Amino acid sequence: MAHSHESNTKRIWIVLIYLTILTTVEVALGIVKPDWLHLHGLGTSWLNWIFIILTLVKAYFIAWAFMHLEGEKKWFRRSVVWTAVFLISYLLFIVLIEGGYLHDTLKPLVKW
């Protein structure tokens, strides 16, 4: 395993700054909710897709930094990352398909 030579304190600060920036963007978008991001694409609004993507980027960075994936062999990193990507993509597909079905089915019964 190849390890970088930067100190743990510096590494923690870099991770903290990176995650703080991403979280600030998410919170700002959640507060402001720009109208142009409420347009629908691929089953949900673009604002929701931005939240999903930013959350996945943060999860990947946390796994990379704190689960020490950067120091593992390439095949192990790929098996962990691609398995998670596949399962999360499948979950999103199922949630969006079923959510659309429920919305269409319950439309006459529920006042949205």
PDB file of N, CA and C in Angstrom:
ATOM      1  N   MET A   1       0.839  -1.184   0.000  1.00  0.00           N
ATOM      2  CA  MET A   1       0.000   0.000   0.000  1.00  0.00           C
ATOM      3  C   MET A   1       0.879   1.241   0.000  1.00  0.00           C
ATOM      4  N   ALA A   2       0.558   2.133  -0.902  1.00  0.00           N
ATOM      5  CA  ALA A   2       1.296   3.386  -0.964  1.00  0.00           C
ATOM      6  C   ALA A   2       0.587   4.413  -0.091  1.00  0.00           C
ATOM      7  N   HIS A   3       1.331   5.043   0.773  1.00  0.00           N
ATOM      8  CA  HIS A   3       0.757   6.062   1.649  1.00  0.00           C
ATOM      9  C   HIS A   3       1.327   7.406   1.268  1.00  0.00           C
ATOM     10  N   SER A   4       0.473   8.444   1.368  1.00  0.00           N
ATOM     11  CA  SER A   4       0.981   9.784   1.119  1.00  0.00           C
ATOM     12  C   SER A   4       1.744  10.245   2.361  1.00  0.00           C
ATOM     13  N   HIS A   5       2.586  11.249   2.175  1.00  0.00           N
ATOM     14  CA  HIS A   5       3.439  11.708   3.271  1.00  0.00           C
ATOM     15  C   HIS A   5       2.921  12.978   3.935  1.00  0.00           C
ATOM     16  N   GLU A   6       1.693  13.361   3.658  1.00  0.00           N
ATOM     17  CA  GLU A   6       1.183  14.551   4.322  1.00  0.00           C
ATOM     18  C   GLU A   6       0.678  14.172   5.719  1.00  0.00           C
ATOM     19  N   SER A   7       0.669  15.148   6.581  1.00  0.00           N
ATOM     20  CA  SER A   7       0.293  14.860   7.966  1.00  0.00           C
ATOM     21  C   SER A   7      -1.207  14.607   8.072  1.00  0.00           C
ATOM     22  N   ASN A   8      -1.582  13.886   9.117  1.00  0.00           N
ATOM     23  CA  ASN A   8      -3.000  13.600   9.337  1.00  0.00           C
ATOM     24  C   ASN A   8      -3.788  14.859   9.656  1.00  0.00           C
ATOM     25  N   THR A   9      -3.169  15.787  10.366  1.00  0.00           N
ATOM     26  CA  THR A   9      -3.856  17.033  10.705  1.00  0.00           C
ATOM     27  C   THR A   9      -4.184  17.816   9.442  1.00  0.00           C
ATOM     28  N   LYS A  10      -3.229  17.936   8.539  1.00  0.00           N
ATOM     29  CA  LYS A  10      -3.462  18.651   7.282  1.00  0.00           C
ATOM     30  C   LYS A  10      -4.551  17.948   6.470  1.00  0.00           C
ATOM     31  N   ARG A  11      -4.508  16.648   6.452  1.00  0.00           N
ATOM     32  CA  ARG A  11      -5.489  15.858   5.699  1.00  0.00           C
ATOM     33  C   ARG A  11      -6.895  16.074   6.258  1.00  0.00           C
ATOM     34  N   ILE A  12      -7.040  16.059   7.575  1.00  0.00           N
ATOM     35  CA  ILE A  12      -8.346  16.273   8.201  1.00  0.00           C
ATOM     36  C   ILE A  12      -8.883  17.657   7.867  1.00  0.00           C
ATOM     37  N   TRP A  13      -8.036  18.671   7.874  1.00  0.00           N
ATOM     38  CA  TRP A  13      -8.470  20.020   7.536  1.00  0.00           C
ATOM     39  C   TRP A  13      -8.908  20.115   6.076  1.00  0.00           C
ATOM     40  N   ILE A  14      -8.187  19.455   5.188  1.00  0.00           N
ATOM     41  CA  ILE A  14      -8.556  19.476   3.772  1.00  0.00           C
ATOM     42  C   ILE A  14      -9.917  18.807   3.577  1.00  0.00           C
ATOM     43  N   VAL A  15     -10.114  17.657   4.210  1.00  0.00           N
ATOM     44  CA  VAL A  15     -11.399  16.964   4.117  1.00  0.00           C
ATOM     45  C   VAL A  15     -12.510  17.826   4.706  1.00  0.00           C
ATOM     46  N   LEU A  16     -12.260  18.450   5.849  1.00  0.00           N
ATOM     47  CA  LEU A  16     -13.253  19.308   6.482  1.00  0.00           C
ATOM     48  C   LEU A  16     -13.640  20.469   5.560  1.00  0.00           C
ATOM     49  N   ILE A  17     -12.665  21.121   4.958  1.00  0.00           N
ATOM     50  CA  ILE A  17     -12.945  22.257   4.071  1.00  0.00           C
ATOM     51  C   ILE A  17     -13.735  21.797   2.848  1.00  0.00           C
ATOM     52  N   TYR A  18     -13.320  20.690   2.247  1.00  0.00           N
ATOM     53  CA  TYR A  18     -13.989  20.164   1.062  1.00  0.00           C
ATOM     54  C   TYR A  18     -15.450  19.811   1.375  1.00  0.00           C
ATOM     55  N   LEU A  19     -15.675  19.086   2.459  1.00  0.00           N
ATOM     56  CA  LEU A  19     -17.041  18.695   2.820  1.00  0.00           C
ATOM     57  C   LEU A  19     -17.887  19.894   3.251  1.00  0.00           C
ATOM     58  N   THR A  20     -17.260  20.883   3.874  1.00  0.00           N
ATOM     59  CA  THR A  20     -17.973  22.101   4.271  1.00  0.00           C
ATOM     60  C   THR A  20     -18.453  22.865   3.048  1.00  0.00           C
ATOM     61  N   ILE A  21     -17.607  22.961   2.024  1.00  0.00           N
ATOM     62  CA  ILE A  21     -17.993  23.658   0.799  1.00  0.00           C
ATOM     63  C   ILE A  21     -19.165  22.943   0.126  1.00  0.00           C
ATOM     64  N   LEU A  22     -19.069  21.622  -0.001  1.00  0.00           N
ATOM     65  CA  LEU A  22     -20.157  20.871  -0.629  1.00  0.00           C
ATOM     66  C   LEU A  22     -21.455  20.979   0.164  1.00  0.00           C
ATOM     67  N   THR A  23     -21.357  20.900   1.491  1.00  0.00           N
ATOM     68  CA  THR A  23     -22.547  21.009   2.334  1.00  0.00           C
ATOM     69  C   THR A  23     -23.142  22.405   2.262  1.00  0.00           C
ATOM     70  N   THR A  24     -22.300  23.433   2.206  1.00  0.00           N
ATOM     71  CA  THR A  24     -22.781  24.810   2.087  1.00  0.00           C
ATOM     72  C   THR A  24     -23.550  24.999   0.782  1.00  0.00           C
ATOM     73  N   VAL A  25     -23.031  24.427  -0.297  1.00  0.00           N
ATOM     74  CA  VAL A  25     -23.737  24.511  -1.583  1.00  0.00           C
ATOM     75  C   VAL A  25     -25.090  23.813  -1.483  1.00  0.00           C
ATOM     76  N   GLU A  26     -25.124  22.633  -0.860  1.00  0.00           N
ATOM     77  CA  GLU A  26     -26.393  21.911  -0.698  1.00  0.00           C
ATOM     78  C   GLU A  26     -27.390  22.712   0.135  1.00  0.00           C
ATOM     79  N   VAL A  27     -26.946  23.252   1.248  1.00  0.00           N
ATOM     80  CA  VAL A  27     -27.843  24.018   2.126  1.00  0.00           C
ATOM     81  C   VAL A  27     -28.328  25.282   1.429  1.00  0.00           C
ATOM     82  N   ALA A  28     -27.429  25.971   0.723  1.00  0.00           N
ATOM     83  CA  ALA A  28     -27.816  27.190   0.007  1.00  0.00           C
ATOM     84  C   ALA A  28     -28.862  26.877  -1.062  1.00  0.00           C
ATOM     85  N   LEU A  29     -28.655  25.799  -1.804  1.00  0.00           N
ATOM     86  CA  LEU A  29     -29.644  25.409  -2.810  1.00  0.00           C
ATOM     87  C   LEU A  29     -30.962  24.999  -2.154  1.00  0.00           C
ATOM     88  N   GLY A  30     -30.900  24.369  -0.986  1.00  0.00           N
ATOM     89  CA  GLY A  30     -32.109  23.980  -0.278  1.00  0.00           C
ATOM     90  C   GLY A  30     -32.890  25.172   0.246  1.00  0.00           C
ATOM     91  N   ILE A  31     -32.194  26.236   0.601  1.00  0.00           N
ATOM     92  CA  ILE A  31     -32.856  27.439   1.104  1.00  0.00           C
ATOM     93  C   ILE A  31     -33.397  28.274  -0.049  1.00  0.00           C
ATOM     94  N   VAL A  32     -32.557  28.507  -1.065  1.00  0.00           N
ATOM     95  CA  VAL A  32     -32.935  29.384  -2.176  1.00  0.00           C
ATOM     96  C   VAL A  32     -33.920  28.702  -3.133  1.00  0.00           C
ATOM     97  N   LYS A  33     -33.693  27.439  -3.443  1.00  0.00           N
ATOM     98  CA  LYS A  33     -34.530  26.655  -4.371  1.00  0.00           C
ATOM     99  C   LYS A  33     -34.822  27.438  -5.645  1.00  0.00           C
ATOM    100  N   PRO A  34     -33.819  27.646  -6.497  1.00  0.00           N
ATOM    101  CA  PRO A  34     -34.037  28.420  -7.732  1.00  0.00           C
ATOM    102  C   PRO A  34     -35.154  27.809  -8.585  1.00  0.00           C
ATOM    103  N   ASP A  35     -36.000  28.681  -9.133  1.00  0.00           N
ATOM    104  CA  ASP A  35     -37.135  28.212  -9.929  1.00  0.00           C
ATOM    105  C   ASP A  35     -36.703  27.419 -11.150  1.00  0.00           C
ATOM    106  N   TRP A  36     -35.602  27.825 -11.772  1.00  0.00           N
ATOM    107  CA  TRP A  36     -35.174  27.142 -12.997  1.00  0.00           C
ATOM    108  C   TRP A  36     -34.697  25.718 -12.715  1.00  0.00           C
ATOM    109  N   LEU A  37     -34.408  25.377 -11.459  1.00  0.00           N
ATOM    110  CA  LEU A  37     -34.012  24.008 -11.126  1.00  0.00           C
ATOM    111  C   LEU A  37     -35.208  23.121 -10.770  1.00  0.00           C
ATOM    112  N   HIS A  38     -36.414  23.686 -10.780  1.00  0.00           N
ATOM    113  CA  HIS A  38     -37.601  22.876 -10.498  1.00  0.00           C
ATOM    114  C   HIS A  38     -38.140  22.197 -11.751  1.00  0.00           C
ATOM    115  N   LEU A  39     -37.496  22.447 -12.890  1.00  0.00           N
ATOM    116  CA  LEU A  39     -37.890  21.761 -14.113  1.00  0.00           C
ATOM    117  C   LEU A  39     -37.582  20.283 -13.974  1.00  0.00           C
ATOM    118  N   HIS A  40     -38.443  19.449 -14.524  1.00  0.00           N
ATOM    119  CA  HIS A  40     -38.294  18.009 -14.355  1.00  0.00           C
ATOM    120  C   HIS A  40     -37.443  17.412 -15.466  1.00  0.00           C
ATOM    121  N   GLY A  41     -36.600  16.476 -15.059  1.00  0.00           N
ATOM    122  CA  GLY A  41     -35.784  15.733 -16.000  1.00  0.00           C
ATOM    123  C   GLY A  41     -35.411  14.395 -15.390  1.00  0.00           C
ATOM    124  N   LEU A  42     -35.542  13.355 -16.149  1.00  0.00           N
ATOM    125  CA  LEU A  42     -35.190  12.002 -15.709  1.00  0.00           C
ATOM    126  C   LEU A  42     -35.946  11.587 -14.450  1.00  0.00           C
ATOM    127  N   GLY A  43     -37.212  11.920 -14.365  1.00  0.00           N
ATOM    128  CA  GLY A  43     -38.050  11.420 -13.284  1.00  0.00           C
ATOM    129  C   GLY A  43     -38.212  12.322 -12.088  1.00  0.00           C
ATOM    130  N   THR A  44     -37.393  13.328 -11.936  1.00  0.00           N
ATOM    131  CA  THR A  44     -37.519  14.241 -10.801  1.00  0.00           C
ATOM    132  C   THR A  44     -36.933  15.590 -11.200  1.00  0.00           C
ATOM    133  N   SER A  45     -36.996  16.578 -10.320  1.00  0.00           N
ATOM    134  CA  SER A  45     -36.492  17.914 -10.673  1.00  0.00           C
ATOM    135  C   SER A  45     -34.962  17.917 -10.700  1.00  0.00           C
ATOM    136  N   TRP A  46     -34.434  18.877 -11.425  1.00  0.00           N
ATOM    137  CA  TRP A  46     -32.969  19.000 -11.518  1.00  0.00           C
ATOM    138  C   TRP A  46     -32.366  19.343 -10.165  1.00  0.00           C
ATOM    139  N   LEU A  47     -33.119  20.039  -9.328  1.00  0.00           N
ATOM    140  CA  LEU A  47     -32.651  20.350  -7.979  1.00  0.00           C
ATOM    141  C   LEU A  47     -32.422  19.066  -7.187  1.00  0.00           C
ATOM    142  N   ASN A  48     -33.352  18.122  -7.285  1.00  0.00           N
ATOM    143  CA  ASN A  48     -33.171  16.837  -6.605  1.00  0.00           C
ATOM    144  C   ASN A  48     -31.960  16.089  -7.144  1.00  0.00           C
ATOM    145  N   TRP A  49     -31.755  16.140  -8.469  1.00  0.00           N
ATOM    146  CA  TRP A  49     -30.577  15.472  -9.046  1.00  0.00           C
ATOM    147  C   TRP A  49     -29.281  16.093  -8.525  1.00  0.00           C
ATOM    148  N   ILE A  50     -29.270  17.413  -8.364  1.00  0.00           N
ATOM    149  CA  ILE A  50     -28.070  18.064  -7.814  1.00  0.00           C
ATOM    150  C   ILE A  50     -27.825  17.593  -6.387  1.00  0.00           C
ATOM    151  N   PHE A  51     -28.890  17.498  -5.583  1.00  0.00           N
ATOM    152  CA  PHE A  51     -28.741  16.990  -4.209  1.00  0.00           C
ATOM    153  C   PHE A  51     -28.212  15.556  -4.208  1.00  0.00           C
ATOM    154  N   ILE A  52     -28.751  14.718  -5.060  1.00  0.00           N
ATOM    155  CA  ILE A  52     -28.313  13.322  -5.137  1.00  0.00           C
ATOM    156  C   ILE A  52     -26.840  13.242  -5.522  1.00  0.00           C
ATOM    157  N   ILE A  53     -26.450  13.993  -6.541  1.00  0.00           N
ATOM    158  CA  ILE A  53     -25.057  13.942  -7.013  1.00  0.00           C
ATOM    159  C   ILE A  53     -24.102  14.479  -5.955  1.00  0.00           C
ATOM    160  N   LEU A  54     -24.429  15.610  -5.334  1.00  0.00           N
ATOM    161  CA  LEU A  54     -23.551  16.163  -4.294  1.00  0.00           C
ATOM    162  C   LEU A  54     -23.431  15.221  -3.100  1.00  0.00           C
ATOM    163  N   THR A  55     -24.515  14.562  -2.731  1.00  0.00           N
ATOM    164  CA  THR A  55     -24.467  13.613  -1.627  1.00  0.00           C
ATOM    165  C   THR A  55     -23.586  12.418  -1.973  1.00  0.00           C
ATOM    166  N   LEU A  56     -23.684  11.926  -3.196  1.00  0.00           N
ATOM    167  CA  LEU A  56     -22.834  10.808  -3.622  1.00  0.00           C
ATOM    168  C   LEU A  56     -21.359  11.208  -3.669  1.00  0.00           C
ATOM    169  N   VAL A  57     -21.092  12.427  -4.116  1.00  0.00           N
ATOM    170  CA  VAL A  57     -19.706  12.909  -4.145  1.00  0.00           C
ATOM    171  C   VAL A  57     -19.148  12.995  -2.727  1.00  0.00           C
ATOM    172  N   LYS A  58     -19.952  13.496  -1.803  1.00  0.00           N
ATOM    173  CA  LYS A  58     -19.498  13.563  -0.410  1.00  0.00           C
ATOM    174  C   LYS A  58     -19.275  12.171   0.172  1.00  0.00           C
ATOM    175  N   ALA A  59     -20.183  11.247  -0.107  1.00  0.00           N
ATOM    176  CA  ALA A  59     -20.031   9.882   0.401  1.00  0.00           C
ATOM    177  C   ALA A  59     -18.775   9.230  -0.169  1.00  0.00           C
ATOM    178  N   TYR A  60     -18.516   9.435  -1.445  1.00  0.00           N
ATOM    179  CA  TYR A  60     -17.320   8.874  -2.066  1.00  0.00           C
ATOM    180  C   TYR A  60     -16.062   9.466  -1.433  1.00  0.00           C
ATOM    181  N   PHE A  61     -16.059  10.774  -1.221  1.00  0.00           N
ATOM    182  CA  PHE A  61     -14.878  11.420  -0.640  1.00  0.00           C
ATOM    183  C   PHE A  61     -14.644  10.951   0.790  1.00  0.00           C
ATOM    184  N   ILE A  62     -15.700  10.761   1.554  1.00  0.00           N
ATOM    185  CA  ILE A  62     -15.555  10.259   2.924  1.00  0.00           C
ATOM    186  C   ILE A  62     -14.982   8.853   2.910  1.00  0.00           C
ATOM    187  N   ALA A  63     -15.503   8.006   2.023  1.00  0.00           N
ATOM    188  CA  ALA A  63     -14.975   6.642   1.920  1.00  0.00           C
ATOM    189  C   ALA A  63     -13.517   6.656   1.467  1.00  0.00           C
ATOM    190  N   TRP A  64     -13.192   7.510   0.528  1.00  0.00           N
ATOM    191  CA  TRP A  64     -11.833   7.596   0.007  1.00  0.00           C
ATOM    192  C   TRP A  64     -10.856   8.047   1.094  1.00  0.00           C
ATOM    193  N   ALA A  65     -11.271   9.043   1.880  1.00  0.00           N
ATOM    194  CA  ALA A  65     -10.364   9.614   2.872  1.00  0.00           C
ATOM    195  C   ALA A  65     -10.351   8.832   4.182  1.00  0.00           C
ATOM    196  N   PHE A  66     -11.529   8.519   4.728  1.00  0.00           N
ATOM    197  CA  PHE A  66     -11.578   7.961   6.070  1.00  0.00           C
ATOM    198  C   PHE A  66     -11.634   6.440   6.112  1.00  0.00           C
ATOM    199  N   MET A  67     -12.016   5.822   5.007  1.00  0.00           N
ATOM    200  CA  MET A  67     -11.959   4.365   4.943  1.00  0.00           C
ATOM    201  C   MET A  67     -10.667   3.922   4.258  1.00  0.00           C
ATOM    202  N   HIS A  68      -9.807   4.895   3.945  1.00  0.00           N
ATOM    203  CA  HIS A  68      -8.466   4.662   3.406  1.00  0.00           C
ATOM    204  C   HIS A  68      -8.481   3.881   2.095  1.00  0.00           C
ATOM    205  N   LEU A  69      -9.455   4.160   1.241  1.00  0.00           N
ATOM    206  CA  LEU A  69      -9.517   3.472  -0.042  1.00  0.00           C
ATOM    207  C   LEU A  69      -8.386   3.885  -0.977  1.00  0.00           C
ATOM    208  N   GLU A  70      -7.860   5.099  -0.816  1.00  0.00           N
ATOM    209  CA  GLU A  70      -6.787   5.536  -1.710  1.00  0.00           C
ATOM    210  C   GLU A  70      -5.521   4.718  -1.537  1.00  0.00           C
ATOM    211  N   GLY A  71      -5.376   4.060  -0.404  1.00  0.00           N
ATOM    212  CA  GLY A  71      -4.182   3.258  -0.167  1.00  0.00           C
ATOM    213  C   GLY A  71      -4.343   1.788  -0.527  1.00  0.00           C
ATOM    214  N   GLU A  72      -5.523   1.408  -0.986  1.00  0.00           N
ATOM    215  CA  GLU A  72      -5.775   0.003  -1.313  1.00  0.00           C
ATOM    216  C   GLU A  72      -5.404  -0.295  -2.761  1.00  0.00           C
ATOM    217  N   LYS A  73      -5.396  -1.571  -3.079  1.00  0.00           N
ATOM    218  CA  LYS A  73      -5.105  -1.980  -4.443  1.00  0.00           C
ATOM    219  C   LYS A  73      -6.245  -1.571  -5.364  1.00  0.00           C
ATOM    220  N   LYS A  74      -5.896  -1.387  -6.635  1.00  0.00           N
ATOM    221  CA  LYS A  74      -6.856  -0.883  -7.607  1.00  0.00           C
ATOM    222  C   LYS A  74      -8.098  -1.781  -7.708  1.00  0.00           C
ATOM    223  N   TRP A  75      -7.948  -3.082  -7.729  1.00  0.00           N
ATOM    224  CA  TRP A  75      -9.094  -3.991  -7.886  1.00  0.00           C
ATOM    225  C   TRP A  75     -10.031  -3.903  -6.688  1.00  0.00           C
ATOM    226  N   PHE A  76      -9.481  -3.692  -5.492  1.00  0.00           N
ATOM    227  CA  PHE A  76     -10.325  -3.582  -4.299  1.00  0.00           C
ATOM    228  C   PHE A  76     -11.112  -2.277  -4.321  1.00  0.00           C
ATOM    229  N   ARG A  77     -10.434  -1.181  -4.680  1.00  0.00           N
ATOM    230  CA  ARG A  77     -11.123   0.113  -4.780  1.00  0.00           C
ATOM    231  C   ARG A  77     -12.262   0.029  -5.777  1.00  0.00           C
ATOM    232  N   ARG A  78     -11.979  -0.552  -6.918  1.00  0.00           N
ATOM    233  CA  ARG A  78     -13.013  -0.657  -7.954  1.00  0.00           C
ATOM    234  C   ARG A  78     -14.174  -1.532  -7.505  1.00  0.00           C
ATOM    235  N   SER A  79     -13.877  -2.625  -6.831  1.00  0.00           N
ATOM    236  CA  SER A  79     -14.968  -3.505  -6.393  1.00  0.00           C
ATOM    237  C   SER A  79     -15.863  -2.808  -5.372  1.00  0.00           C
ATOM    238  N   VAL A  80     -15.283  -2.016  -4.489  1.00  0.00           N
ATOM    239  CA  VAL A  80     -16.080  -1.289  -3.498  1.00  0.00           C
ATOM    240  C   VAL A  80     -16.882  -0.179  -4.172  1.00  0.00           C
ATOM    241  N   VAL A  81     -16.223   0.623  -4.995  1.00  0.00           N
ATOM    242  CA  VAL A  81     -16.874   1.776  -5.611  1.00  0.00           C
ATOM    243  C   VAL A  81     -17.938   1.341  -6.616  1.00  0.00           C
ATOM    244  N   TRP A  82     -17.612   0.401  -7.497  1.00  0.00           N
ATOM    245  CA  TRP A  82     -18.571   0.020  -8.538  1.00  0.00           C
ATOM    246  C   TRP A  82     -19.765  -0.742  -7.968  1.00  0.00           C
ATOM    247  N   THR A  83     -19.560  -1.488  -6.910  1.00  0.00           N
ATOM    248  CA  THR A  83     -20.696  -2.143  -6.262  1.00  0.00           C
ATOM    249  C   THR A  83     -21.637  -1.096  -5.680  1.00  0.00           C
ATOM    250  N   ALA A  84     -21.082  -0.110  -5.015  1.00  0.00           N
ATOM    251  CA  ALA A  84     -21.908   0.965  -4.447  1.00  0.00           C
ATOM    252  C   ALA A  84     -22.603   1.755  -5.547  1.00  0.00           C
ATOM    253  N   VAL A  85     -21.895   2.068  -6.622  1.00  0.00           N
ATOM    254  CA  VAL A  85     -22.500   2.812  -7.734  1.00  0.00           C
ATOM    255  C   VAL A  85     -23.667   2.025  -8.325  1.00  0.00           C
ATOM    256  N   PHE A  86     -23.472   0.729  -8.546  1.00  0.00           N
ATOM    257  CA  PHE A  86     -24.539  -0.097  -9.102  1.00  0.00           C
ATOM    258  C   PHE A  86     -25.753  -0.134  -8.172  1.00  0.00           C
ATOM    259  N   LEU A  87     -25.521  -0.383  -6.890  1.00  0.00           N
ATOM    260  CA  LEU A  87     -26.638  -0.499  -5.952  1.00  0.00           C
ATOM    261  C   LEU A  87     -27.380   0.823  -5.773  1.00  0.00           C
ATOM    262  N   ILE A  88     -26.660   1.925  -5.709  1.00  0.00           N
ATOM    263  CA  ILE A  88     -27.301   3.231  -5.561  1.00  0.00           C
ATOM    264  C   ILE A  88     -28.073   3.592  -6.825  1.00  0.00           C
ATOM    265  N   SER A  89     -27.508   3.305  -7.990  1.00  0.00           N
ATOM    266  CA  SER A  89     -28.212   3.565  -9.251  1.00  0.00           C
ATOM    267  C   SER A  89     -29.486   2.739  -9.330  1.00  0.00           C
ATOM    268  N   TYR A  90     -29.400   1.492  -8.935  1.00  0.00           N
ATOM    269  CA  TYR A  90     -30.578   0.623  -8.944  1.00  0.00           C
ATOM    270  C   TYR A  90     -31.644   1.148  -7.980  1.00  0.00           C
ATOM    271  N   LEU A  91     -31.227   1.563  -6.791  1.00  0.00           N
ATOM    272  CA  LEU A  91     -32.157   2.115  -5.816  1.00  0.00           C
ATOM    273  C   LEU A  91     -32.848   3.367  -6.367  1.00  0.00           C
ATOM    274  N   LEU A  92     -32.081   4.273  -6.975  1.00  0.00           N
ATOM    275  CA  LEU A  92     -32.670   5.480  -7.549  1.00  0.00           C
ATOM    276  C   LEU A  92     -33.668   5.135  -8.648  1.00  0.00           C
ATOM    277  N   PHE A  93     -33.317   4.184  -9.498  1.00  0.00           N
ATOM    278  CA  PHE A  93     -34.215   3.755 -10.568  1.00  0.00           C
ATOM    279  C   PHE A  93     -35.533   3.240  -9.993  1.00  0.00           C
ATOM    280  N   ILE A  94     -35.440   2.357  -9.011  1.00  0.00           N
ATOM    281  CA  ILE A  94     -36.640   1.778  -8.415  1.00  0.00           C
ATOM    282  C   ILE A  94     -37.480   2.851  -7.721  1.00  0.00           C
ATOM    283  N   VAL A  95     -36.849   3.730  -6.960  1.00  0.00           N
ATOM    284  CA  VAL A  95     -37.592   4.774  -6.238  1.00  0.00           C
ATOM    285  C   VAL A  95     -38.298   5.706  -7.217  1.00  0.00           C
ATOM    286  N   LEU A  96     -37.604   6.105  -8.286  1.00  0.00           N
ATOM    287  CA  LEU A  96     -38.224   7.022  -9.245  1.00  0.00           C
ATOM    288  C   LEU A  96     -39.351   6.349 -10.022  1.00  0.00           C
ATOM    289  N   ILE A  97     -39.154   5.098 -10.426  1.00  0.00           N
ATOM    290  CA  ILE A  97     -40.202   4.386 -11.163  1.00  0.00           C
ATOM    291  C   ILE A  97     -41.422   4.156 -10.272  1.00  0.00           C
ATOM    292  N   GLU A  98     -41.193   3.649  -9.070  1.00  0.00           N
ATOM    293  CA  GLU A  98     -42.310   3.371  -8.160  1.00  0.00           C
ATOM    294  C   GLU A  98     -42.986   4.655  -7.691  1.00  0.00           C
ATOM    295  N   GLY A  99     -42.194   5.697  -7.462  1.00  0.00           N
ATOM    296  CA  GLY A  99     -42.774   6.975  -7.053  1.00  0.00           C
ATOM    297  C   GLY A  99     -43.670   7.546  -8.136  1.00  0.00           C
ATOM    298  N   GLY A 100     -43.234   7.449  -9.391  1.00  0.00           N
ATOM    299  CA  GLY A 100     -44.065   7.906 -10.510  1.00  0.00           C
ATOM    300  C   GLY A 100     -45.337   7.087 -10.630  1.00  0.00           C
ATOM    301  N   TYR A 101     -45.208   5.786 -10.445  1.00  0.00           N
ATOM    302  CA  TYR A 101     -46.388   4.909 -10.507  1.00  0.00           C
ATOM    303  C   TYR A 101     -47.380   5.259  -9.393  1.00  0.00           C
ATOM    304  N   LEU A 102     -46.881   5.422  -8.176  1.00  0.00           N
ATOM    305  CA  LEU A 102     -47.772   5.758  -7.052  1.00  0.00           C
ATOM    306  C   LEU A 102     -48.443   7.113  -7.264  1.00  0.00           C
ATOM    307  N   HIS A 103     -47.685   8.067  -7.774  1.00  0.00           N
ATOM    308  CA  HIS A 103     -48.253   9.390  -8.024  1.00  0.00           C
ATOM    309  C   HIS A 103     -49.377   9.301  -9.054  1.00  0.00           C
ATOM    310  N   ASP A 104     -49.148   8.564 -10.139  1.00  0.00           N
ATOM    311  CA  ASP A 104     -50.171   8.426 -11.174  1.00  0.00           C
ATOM    312  C   ASP A 104     -51.378   7.642 -10.665  1.00  0.00           C
ATOM    313  N   THR A 105     -51.125   6.626  -9.858  1.00  0.00           N
ATOM    314  CA  THR A 105     -52.211   5.783  -9.351  1.00  0.00           C
ATOM    315  C   THR A 105     -53.057   6.523  -8.313  1.00  0.00           C
ATOM    316  N   LEU A 106     -52.418   7.286  -7.449  1.00  0.00           N
ATOM    317  CA  LEU A 106     -53.137   7.956  -6.359  1.00  0.00           C
ATOM    318  C   LEU A 106     -53.641   9.348  -6.746  1.00  0.00           C
ATOM    319  N   LYS A 107     -53.334   9.798  -7.959  1.00  0.00           N
ATOM    320  CA  LYS A 107     -53.722  11.148  -8.373  1.00  0.00           C
ATOM    321  C   LYS A 107     -55.221  11.419  -8.194  1.00  0.00           C
ATOM    322  N   PRO A 108     -56.102  10.467  -8.576  1.00  0.00           N
ATOM    323  CA  PRO A 108     -57.535  10.760  -8.380  1.00  0.00           C
ATOM    324  C   PRO A 108     -57.968  10.698  -6.906  1.00  0.00           C
ATOM    325  N   LEU A 109     -57.195  10.039  -6.058  1.00  0.00           N
ATOM    326  CA  LEU A 109     -57.613   9.834  -4.671  1.00  0.00           C
ATOM    327  C   LEU A 109     -57.042  10.851  -3.686  1.00  0.00           C
ATOM    328  N   VAL A 110     -55.900  11.429  -4.011  1.00  0.00           N
ATOM    329  CA  VAL A 110     -55.197  12.303  -3.072  1.00  0.00           C
ATOM    330  C   VAL A 110     -55.074  13.693  -3.673  1.00  0.00           C
ATOM    331  N   LYS A 111     -55.376  14.711  -2.878  1.00  0.00           N
ATOM    332  CA  LYS A 111     -55.187  16.085  -3.325  1.00  0.00           C
ATOM    333  C   LYS A 111     -53.731  16.459  -3.015  1.00  0.00           C
ATOM    334  N   TRP A 112     -52.929  16.691  -4.033  1.00  0.00           N
ATOM    335  CA  TRP A 112     -51.501  16.966  -3.854  1.00  0.00           C
ATOM    336  C   TRP A 112     -51.325  18.402  -3.495  1.00  0.00           C
TER     337      TRP A 112
END
